[in-house]
Amino acid sequence: MRIVAGTHKGRNLLSPPKGAGTRPMTGGAKESLFQILAERVHDAVIADLYCGTGTLGLEALSRGAARVAFAERDPAVVARLERNIAALGAEDRCCVWRGDVMRRLAAWLDDLAADVDVSFVDPPYAAVRRWHWRRAEQRIFAPLAAHLPADGVVVLRLPDDVPAPQTLGGLVVERLKRYGDMRVALLGVGKEVR
């Protein structure tokens, strides 16, 4: 795994430990996604939920994001995430939320005391296949919508066999991209995502 572009282009990142259940986004899909998000990332506040070892959030930092909040519950994965952050010398622009996103996100966002310009929501495929969407809407997407500026975007990654609901917690799917066996839904407050 490596950073694709920006100030840390080409830097290798630690992968998740074996058996962690995370699936980092491939370079080609990541590059395509960041081309879509290009203007939104610079000077942005990013939330990288279910972040694994932080490939999406660290890519955003390399491309000029001001600050990234990472959320991950697996202690072994968090240890590697923190090593990746330290390797880039980015500790002053990052915070790590440890624990269950569904249970703790609303409080974490309140403590952040800033709007979130871009949020990556990348739950493990096994977990998202069991999601109760109303619960996810109340515990993830509604809190994100409450902390999202009018031009903010939530990027939801799903396996190809799980359809994305058209609306979630006040957010609307504005664009849907397919990359191999995954889909990426871009959600916003109703304006076209470019």
Protein backbone atom coordinates (compact mmCIF):
# COMPACT_ATOMS: atom_id res chain seq x y z
CA MET A 1 0.00 0.00 0.00
CA ARG A 2 1.28 3.42 -0.87
CA ILE A 3 0.21 7.04 -1.19
CA VAL A 4 -0.74 7.84 -4.79
CA ALA A 5 -0.24 11.62 -5.01
CA GLY A 6 0.62 14.81 -3.14
CA THR A 7 3.41 15.70 -0.73
CA HIS A 8 3.87 12.09 0.39
CA LYS A 9 3.50 10.51 -3.06
CA GLY A 10 5.04 7.04 -3.25
CA ARG A 11 5.36 6.59 0.53
CA ASN A 12 4.65 3.04 1.61
CA LEU A 13 2.09 2.44 4.35
CA LEU A 14 1.79 -0.47 6.73
CA SER A 15 -0.92 -2.94 5.76
CA PRO A 16 -3.47 -4.25 8.26
CA PRO A 17 -2.40 -7.35 10.19
CA LYS A 18 -3.49 -10.70 8.75
CA GLY A 19 -7.02 -11.61 9.73
CA ALA A 20 -8.02 -8.02 10.54
CA GLY A 21 -10.90 -8.09 8.05
CA THR A 22 -9.99 -4.78 6.41
CA ARG A 23 -9.68 -4.29 2.65
CA PRO A 24 -7.66 -1.25 1.62
CA MET A 25 -8.88 0.42 -1.56
CA THR A 26 -6.73 -0.36 -4.60
CA GLY A 27 -4.54 2.31 -6.16
CA GLY A 28 -6.61 2.71 -9.33
CA ALA A 29 -9.92 3.05 -7.50
CA LYS A 30 -8.36 5.40 -4.94
CA GLU A 31 -6.91 7.59 -7.69
CA SER A 32 -10.27 7.75 -9.49
CA LEU A 33 -12.08 8.65 -6.27
CA PHE A 34 -9.62 11.42 -5.41
CA GLN A 35 -9.95 12.86 -8.91
CA ILE A 36 -13.68 13.24 -8.20
CA LEU A 37 -12.94 14.79 -4.78
CA ALA A 38 -9.94 16.89 -5.89
CA GLU A 39 -11.19 20.40 -5.05
CA ARG A 40 -12.94 19.27 -1.86
CA VAL A 41 -9.89 17.77 -0.15
CA HIS A 42 -7.56 20.80 -0.04
CA ASP A 43 -7.73 22.48 3.42
CA ALA A 44 -10.59 20.15 4.35
CA VAL A 45 -11.49 18.45 7.61
CA ILE A 46 -11.80 14.73 6.87
CA ALA A 47 -13.42 11.91 8.88
CA ASP A 48 -12.16 8.46 7.89
CA LEU A 49 -14.57 5.99 9.51
CA TYR A 50 -13.75 2.28 9.65
CA CYS A 51 -10.36 3.51 8.49
CA GLY A 52 -8.20 0.42 8.89
CA THR A 53 -4.58 1.59 8.66
CA GLY A 54 -5.68 4.95 7.23
CA THR A 55 -5.04 4.75 3.51
CA LEU A 56 -7.88 7.12 2.51
CA GLY A 57 -7.33 9.68 5.26
CA LEU A 58 -3.56 9.70 4.76
CA GLU A 59 -4.05 10.10 1.01
CA ALA A 60 -6.24 13.13 1.78
CA LEU A 61 -3.53 14.57 4.05
CA SER A 62 -0.94 14.11 1.32
CA ARG A 63 -3.26 15.99 -1.05
CA GLY A 64 -3.60 18.97 1.28
CA ALA A 65 -6.32 18.18 3.83
CA ALA A 66 -6.00 20.32 6.95
CA ARG A 67 -7.02 17.69 9.49
CA VAL A 68 -8.13 14.05 9.59
CA ALA A 69 -10.05 12.18 12.27
CA PHE A 70 -9.61 8.41 11.96
CA ALA A 71 -12.06 5.92 13.54
CA GLU A 72 -11.16 2.26 14.07
CA ARG A 73 -12.02 -0.30 16.74
CA ASP A 74 -9.40 -3.08 16.27
CA PRO A 75 -6.44 -2.31 18.60
CA ALA A 76 -3.91 -4.11 16.37
CA VAL A 77 -5.06 -2.11 13.35
CA VAL A 78 -5.01 1.15 15.35
CA ALA A 79 -1.38 0.45 16.31
CA ARG A 80 -0.44 0.25 12.62
CA LEU A 81 -2.54 3.32 11.81
CA GLU A 82 -0.64 5.31 14.44
CA ARG A 83 2.68 4.11 13.01
CA ASN A 84 1.56 5.25 9.53
CA ILE A 85 0.60 8.68 10.88
CA ALA A 86 3.94 8.99 12.68
CA ALA A 87 5.89 7.89 9.59
CA LEU A 88 4.39 10.85 7.71
CA GLY A 89 5.05 13.22 10.61
CA ALA A 90 1.35 14.09 10.64
CA GLU A 91 0.49 13.63 14.33
CA ASP A 92 -0.38 17.33 14.72
CA ARG A 93 -3.02 17.10 11.96
CA CYS A 94 -4.62 13.82 13.01
CA CYS A 95 -6.73 12.40 15.80
CA VAL A 96 -7.60 8.75 16.28
CA TRP A 97 -11.00 7.70 17.60
CA ARG A 98 -10.84 4.21 19.10
CA GLY A 99 -14.06 2.25 19.42
CA ASP A 100 -17.35 1.39 17.80
CA VAL A 101 -18.42 3.93 15.16
CA MET A 102 -22.14 3.15 15.52
CA ARG A 103 -22.07 3.79 19.25
CA ARG A 104 -19.66 6.70 19.48
CA LEU A 105 -19.71 8.74 16.27
CA ALA A 106 -22.18 11.44 17.39
CA ALA A 107 -20.09 12.23 20.49
CA TRP A 108 -16.83 12.15 18.55
CA LEU A 109 -18.21 14.61 15.99
CA ASP A 110 -19.45 16.94 18.74
CA ASP A 111 -16.00 16.87 20.34
CA LEU A 112 -14.34 17.62 16.99
CA ALA A 113 -15.89 21.12 17.10
CA ALA A 114 -15.63 21.55 13.32
CA ASP A 115 -17.66 20.73 10.25
CA VAL A 116 -16.53 17.65 8.34
CA ASP A 117 -15.99 18.51 4.68
CA VAL A 118 -15.45 14.93 3.49
CA SER A 119 -16.19 11.68 5.30
CA PHE A 120 -15.16 8.23 4.18
CA VAL A 121 -17.46 5.47 5.48
CA ASP A 122 -15.81 2.14 4.68
CA PRO A 123 -17.32 -0.56 6.92
CA PRO A 124 -16.12 -4.17 6.71
CA TYR A 125 -18.10 -6.00 4.03
CA ALA A 126 -19.23 -8.71 6.46
CA ALA A 127 -20.59 -6.05 8.82
CA VAL A 128 -22.36 -3.97 6.16
CA ARG A 129 -24.08 -7.07 4.81
CA ARG A 130 -25.71 -7.39 8.25
CA TRP A 131 -26.43 -3.69 8.75
CA HIS A 132 -29.85 -2.58 9.85
CA TRP A 133 -30.00 0.47 7.60
CA ARG A 134 -32.33 2.48 9.85
CA ARG A 135 -29.86 2.08 12.72
CA ALA A 136 -26.93 3.04 10.46
CA GLU A 137 -28.93 6.03 9.27
CA GLN A 138 -29.56 7.21 12.85
CA ARG A 139 -26.11 6.48 14.24
CA ILE A 140 -23.80 7.28 11.32
CA PHE A 141 -25.42 9.25 8.53
CA ALA A 142 -27.66 11.63 10.50
CA PRO A 143 -24.75 12.70 12.77
CA LEU A 144 -22.56 13.19 9.70
CA ALA A 145 -25.29 15.23 7.99
CA ALA A 146 -25.52 17.44 11.08
CA HIS A 147 -21.77 18.19 10.84
CA LEU A 148 -21.54 18.48 7.05
CA PRO A 149 -21.41 21.89 5.32
CA ALA A 150 -23.70 22.49 2.34
CA ASP A 151 -20.98 21.43 -0.11
CA GLY A 152 -19.70 18.50 1.99
CA VAL A 153 -19.71 14.89 0.83
CA VAL A 154 -19.92 11.46 2.44
CA VAL A 155 -18.21 8.65 0.52
CA LEU A 156 -19.78 5.26 1.29
CA ARG A 157 -17.98 2.11 0.09
CA LEU A 158 -20.08 -1.03 -0.30
CA PRO A 159 -19.66 -4.50 -1.77
CA ASP A 160 -21.27 -4.79 -5.19
CA ASP A 161 -24.02 -7.06 -3.85
CA VAL A 162 -25.28 -4.50 -1.28
CA PRO A 163 -27.43 -1.74 -2.81
CA ALA A 164 -26.98 1.77 -1.47
CA PRO A 165 -30.18 3.35 -0.14
CA GLN A 166 -31.02 6.54 -2.06
CA THR A 167 -31.32 8.63 1.11
CA LEU A 168 -29.61 8.22 4.49
CA GLY A 169 -30.11 10.54 7.45
CA GLY A 170 -30.87 13.61 5.36
CA LEU A 171 -28.20 12.81 2.76
CA VAL A 172 -28.94 11.89 -0.85
CA VAL A 173 -26.91 9.60 -3.14
CA GLU A 174 -25.74 12.01 -5.81
CA ARG A 175 -23.29 9.81 -7.64
CA LEU A 176 -22.56 6.09 -7.76
CA LYS A 177 -19.34 4.59 -9.10
CA ARG A 178 -18.47 0.93 -9.57
CA TYR A 179 -14.91 -0.35 -9.21
CA GLY A 180 -14.62 -4.11 -9.72
CA ASP A 181 -16.54 -5.83 -6.91
CA MET A 182 -17.33 -2.63 -4.99
CA ARG A 183 -19.54 0.39 -5.32
CA VAL A 184 -18.81 3.86 -4.02
CA ALA A 185 -21.77 6.15 -3.31
CA LEU A 186 -21.20 9.86 -2.90
CA LEU A 187 -23.83 11.42 -0.67
CA GLY A 188 -24.54 15.09 -0.09
CA VAL A 189 -27.28 17.45 0.94
CA GLY A 190 -28.88 17.46 -2.50
CA LYS A 191 -26.51 19.41 -4.71
CA GLU A 192 -24.70 17.75 -7.60
CA VAL A 193 -21.38 16.23 -6.60
CA ARG A 194 -18.72 17.03 -9.20
